Amino acid sequence: MKTVSKIVILLLMIILTNSGCKNAPSTEPESKDDFNYFVEQFEDIRILKYRLPAFESLSPGQKEYIYYLSQAALAGRDILWDQNFRYNLLIRKTLEAIIDTYSGDINSEEYKLFLVYAK
């Protein structure tokens, strides 16, 4: 079952990656305001943010449902990390702690390379 779920996740990632490559979203705002859709890029993966203008019109129950879906996604991320290697969660949390508490020069080349490795 693990292998089947990994294959399904891999296929979904490939489909989403390929569909994103055909019509790369513009980082230019479509309207006159200065909303920036582009957050960050790593290798060939872009992190984008989107507006949800109708979010405020949702009922409190619908907003709560969205909140719990986001929490489930975060838990699913941990499950995926844990399934790939016994100590992956510990390694990821260690890397995140290093990034959060690093007090050295964040503009140094070594730190930038560490960030690429941590991603």
Protein backbone atom coordinates (compact mmCIF):
# COMPACT_ATOMS: atom_id res chain seq x y z
CA MET A 1 0.00 0.00 0.00
CA LYS A 2 2.90 2.35 0.73
CA THR A 3 4.24 1.92 -2.78
CA VAL A 4 0.87 2.63 -4.38
CA SER A 5 0.37 5.81 -2.36
CA LYS A 6 3.89 6.99 -3.21
CA ILE A 7 3.27 6.38 -6.90
CA VAL A 8 -0.04 8.27 -6.78
CA ILE A 9 1.59 11.21 -5.00
CA LEU A 10 4.49 11.20 -7.45
CA LEU A 11 2.12 11.18 -10.44
CA LEU A 12 0.10 14.05 -8.98
CA MET A 13 3.27 16.04 -8.41
CA ILE A 14 4.40 15.42 -11.99
CA ILE A 15 1.03 16.41 -13.39
CA LEU A 16 0.90 19.57 -11.31
CA THR A 17 4.49 20.46 -12.15
CA ASN A 18 3.98 19.92 -15.88
CA SER A 19 0.72 21.82 -15.96
CA GLY A 20 2.42 24.71 -14.20
CA CYS A 21 5.21 24.79 -16.77
CA LYS A 22 2.91 25.28 -19.75
CA ASN A 23 1.28 28.45 -18.50
CA ALA A 24 3.66 29.92 -15.98
CA PRO A 25 1.79 32.45 -13.85
CA SER A 26 2.85 36.00 -14.22
CA THR A 27 4.36 37.74 -11.23
CA GLU A 28 2.94 40.99 -12.51
CA PRO A 29 -0.27 42.12 -10.84
CA GLU A 30 -3.30 41.93 -13.10
CA SER A 31 -4.96 44.99 -11.66
CA LYS A 32 -3.72 48.40 -10.63
CA ASP A 33 -2.93 47.39 -7.06
CA ASP A 34 0.50 45.96 -6.29
CA PHE A 35 -0.38 42.43 -5.20
CA ASN A 36 2.65 40.16 -5.69
CA TYR A 37 1.70 36.55 -6.48
CA PHE A 38 5.29 35.29 -6.45
CA VAL A 39 6.64 34.34 -3.02
CA GLU A 40 9.72 32.23 -3.61
CA GLN A 41 11.36 29.93 -6.13
CA PHE A 42 13.52 26.88 -5.58
CA GLU A 43 15.03 25.19 -8.61
CA ASP A 44 12.02 24.74 -10.95
CA ILE A 45 9.35 25.02 -8.24
CA ARG A 46 7.60 28.31 -7.52
CA ILE A 47 5.64 29.16 -4.43
CA LEU A 48 2.74 31.42 -5.29
CA LYS A 49 0.07 33.09 -3.26
CA TYR A 50 -3.40 33.86 -4.45
CA ARG A 51 -6.13 36.22 -3.45
CA LEU A 52 -9.37 34.87 -2.12
CA PRO A 53 -11.73 37.82 -2.44
CA ALA A 54 -14.78 35.76 -1.48
CA PHE A 55 -13.15 34.45 1.72
CA GLU A 56 -14.69 37.18 3.86
CA SER A 57 -18.16 36.26 2.65
CA LEU A 58 -17.82 32.65 3.84
CA SER A 59 -19.74 31.52 6.88
CA PRO A 60 -17.80 30.90 10.12
CA GLY A 61 -18.38 27.17 9.64
CA GLN A 62 -16.83 27.25 6.16
CA LYS A 63 -13.83 29.19 7.46
CA GLU A 64 -13.41 26.65 10.25
CA TYR A 65 -13.55 23.84 7.67
CA ILE A 66 -10.78 25.52 5.65
CA TYR A 67 -8.71 25.87 8.82
CA TYR A 68 -9.01 22.15 9.60
CA LEU A 69 -8.15 21.25 6.01
CA SER A 70 -4.94 23.28 6.30
CA GLN A 71 -4.09 21.53 9.58
CA ALA A 72 -4.70 18.14 7.92
CA ALA A 73 -2.36 19.14 5.10
CA LEU A 74 0.36 19.98 7.62
CA ALA A 75 -0.15 16.63 9.37
CA GLY A 76 -0.05 14.87 6.01
CA ARG A 77 3.29 16.54 5.34
CA ASP A 78 4.66 15.07 8.58
CA ILE A 79 3.27 11.64 7.71
CA LEU A 80 4.92 11.76 4.29
CA TRP A 81 8.27 12.74 5.80
CA ASP A 82 8.00 10.02 8.43
CA GLN A 83 7.19 7.29 5.89
CA ASN A 84 10.28 7.97 3.79
CA PHE A 85 12.85 7.45 6.56
CA ARG A 86 12.71 6.68 10.23
CA TYR A 87 14.54 9.84 11.35
CA ASN A 88 13.28 12.29 8.71
CA LEU A 89 11.04 14.23 11.10
CA LEU A 90 13.88 14.65 13.57
CA ILE A 91 16.20 15.77 10.77
CA ARG A 92 13.64 18.23 9.39
CA LYS A 93 12.90 19.70 12.82
CA THR A 94 16.63 20.04 13.49
CA LEU A 95 17.16 21.89 10.21
CA GLU A 96 14.18 24.16 10.95
CA ALA A 97 15.55 24.89 14.45
CA ILE A 98 18.94 25.80 13.00
CA ILE A 99 17.31 28.18 10.53
CA ASP A 100 15.10 29.76 13.21
CA THR A 101 17.88 30.28 15.77
CA TYR A 102 20.89 30.99 13.55
CA SER A 103 22.66 34.09 14.86
CA GLY A 104 25.49 34.32 12.33
CA ASP A 105 25.74 36.18 9.05
CA ILE A 106 22.66 35.30 7.00
CA ASN A 107 24.22 36.87 3.90
CA SER A 108 27.22 34.53 3.88
CA GLU A 109 27.63 32.05 1.06
CA GLU A 110 27.71 29.08 3.46
CA TYR A 111 24.37 30.04 5.00
CA LYS A 112 22.78 30.48 1.57
CA LEU A 113 24.02 27.03 0.55
CA PHE A 114 22.64 25.62 3.80
CA LEU A 115 19.23 27.12 2.99
CA VAL A 116 19.28 25.45 -0.44
CA TYR A 117 20.13 22.15 1.25
CA ALA A 118 17.38 22.61 3.86
CA LYS A 119 14.74 23.20 1.21
